[in-house]
Each structure stands twice: as structure tokens, then as C-alpha cells.
Amino acid sequence: MNKKLIALAVLGACGAPAVMAQTANPVTLYGRVYATYESVQATNSPSGAADVERRNRVSDQASLLGVRGTEDLGGGLKAFFQLETAFKPDQNDSTFAGRNSAVGLQGNWGSILMGRWDTPYKTTTIAVDPYGDLTLGGITAALSGSGVRNVQAQFDRRDQNVVQYWSPTMAGFALRLSYSANEGRCSAPTASGCVNPGSNGASLTWTGGPVYVGYAYHELKDTSFGTPILPKQTANAVFGTFKFGPIQIGAAYDENKRTAASGTTGYTKQKAWLANVVWTIGNNQLSYQHQDAKDGELTSATTQPACHVDALGWQYNFTKRTFFLAQYVKIDNKDAGTCNWGANTLTLNSAGQDLTGFSLGLRHIF
């Protein structure tokens, strides 16, 4: 069925004038359906807490439905929009239009948008992960600020109320900038002060032939970290992939710093890295990814968090749009570690519990 006709029918629910306004310009309906059948458990608590018994589950892996379009404004200028919503094939509790949605302008100078969008840090770092930031073994199992105080992927963000600029690619270089409006700023200070939340970042990448490398930065101000509100948190990451023949190797390293409130105990710097290899044999892709994270807790803590994540995967590509994925993942949390699945985390009974999981998944895009 013609996607443009379907999209116009969807827009028709909002009124005939809106439909008529779009008929002269390209409007596309698109989406992804991705679900996994998983068997997961958590064991070996150093504190003697009860194991999380093995259970089976069907998990959504960021299935989505979206509508996007453009209008030629003349003089090399275009307007564009996107509305993207999550939906879960396994249950119906998702929020409408909670994914990347914005309106913007594009020209030979680049693109600027306003709305809700993935940060440059998230967009560029997950490009080195063969699983995206999805599945049990995805990058957010240990990187992007995971594994400390049960906080998961503090810097793997889709920010609200955001303005972003994307440069055109010049000699292989591409720049992205992101600023989130501080709409949550308090109107009157209290005895404990006044919060002025912020979430801003940037990335610079270079792509040339088989090489992709980059640097990303993100800063959070007056934002929660587990229980406390911290005045400042920052993340720096370097990453890249290199492809030679049927083999692609990837790596990333990030450091996360957390500034404690005045007069309180500070935090150690968290350091995390990953390395992976993907071997393509016809329609088959064999993958292995290792992640490692350590530190990031209070400087007064007797034991700092640490974890190791190992993921093995086999992906069979039926077509460019449809694949099957089998994956085995083991997470070894040290005494204070709380690293968890890259997507659809498991509630642990204690820090230091180890996780093992096996999943079978099917993804189709349209």
C-alpha cells in the first residue's frame, strides 16, 4: 500500500484543511516493529540477597511509528517536520509522540529544529554499537552513565524543549549542537536554593570510507542522580569504527564526572569503555561486544562500583528491512555494581548481583 496515501489518511483525522495543505509535498509514513523473547535472571548477590529467579518475557525494542515530511520554500530552503511515537507490540502502555518529534528549517548552511530529540551524545555514540542502544547487550548496559546507584544511561537521552543545530557534512566532518530550554527553573529561591536545570551538548564526527570517529560532550545541571539533585554532571566520549572487508571493529571510551552540592561528599570519576567486532558472512552477522565500567560513587565509599558485560550475537538478515537476532549476555557486577541490561532492565535485589540472559528477536522496518 502506498505509504504517502496512508500518511495522508492518518493526517485526515486532524481535519481536511491539513490534508489539503500537504498534498503538494512529500509526506511519508514509516516505522519499526522489534520484539524479543527473553529468558533472564540475576544471581550471586554478595550481600546474601535473594536471587531474581529466571523468568521468560516478551520485550519491546523501541518499536515506533512516525510521519515526516518536507516543503520546498524556494531559494534552497526547506521546512521539515517529524512526529514519532512509540508503540509496544507486547503491551499497550506507551505514550503518544514520545519519540523524536520536531519542526525545522534546512538549507546549505545545515539544519535547525525545535521540539524533542535525541542528544548529539546519544546519536553519535550508539553508532558504534552493533545492537544500537537496544537489546540485553546494548551500549547502555555499562556506558553512558550506567551502573551507579541503579541509575541507567543518564547520558543516553532524548531531551524535551530542545533546540538543535546540525551542520552540513564538510570534508567528512559533521557538527551537532543541542540546547534544552530551562523551563523547570524555580520562580523563587528556598532555604535550600533554587534549581536551574539544564541539558546541553555537542558532537563532532568524521566519516571517510571505512572509518567513522568522533567526540561527544554532554552537560547536565541541577539534575537528579538517583536520589540527590547534583549541580553539575558531565560526560565526555571518544569512539569510532573501522571496516575492512567483512570485518568491522568498534570501540568507545567515556568519562562521567559528578559535582556534589556544596558541603557534601564528592564523587569519583566514572570510566567506561567498550570494544566489539562484527563479522559478516553472506546474510549472517556474528558479533561480540565487551563493556567495562568502574568507579563513580561517593569518594567516601569503601567499595566503588565495577562491572563487565559480555554479549554474543548472531543476526540473520532476511532482507535490508527484516532480521532475526539471537543473543547471549552475561553481566558480572562487582560488590557495588548495578550494571543492567542495555534495554528493559531487570529489578535487582541487591547491588553486585550478576545477570545472565538469552534472547531471540525479530525486527522489521517499513
Foldseek 3Di string as FASTA:
>chain_A
DDQQVVLLVVCCVVDDVVSVVPPVWDKGKKWKWKKKWKWKWWDDAPVPFDTGDIDIDIDTWFTKIKMKTWDDPDPQKIKIWMFMFTAHPVDGDGDGSPADTWIWMQGLFFIKTWFKYWAPVLVQPLVQFPQRLTDQQHPQLADCPDWALRDTNPRRDTDGGKMKTWGPQDQQKIKIWMWHAQPVWDPDADPVGTFRWIKIWMKMWGDDVQKIKIKIKIKIAQPDDNPDGFGIKMKIKIWMWGDDDQKIKIKMKMKMATHHPPPDFGFDIKIKMKIKMWGDDPQKIKMKMKMKIWTTGTPPDPGTKIKIKIKIKMWGDPDPFKIKMKMKMKMFIQNQTDRAGSPDGDDGPHGGIIMIMIMIMMMGID
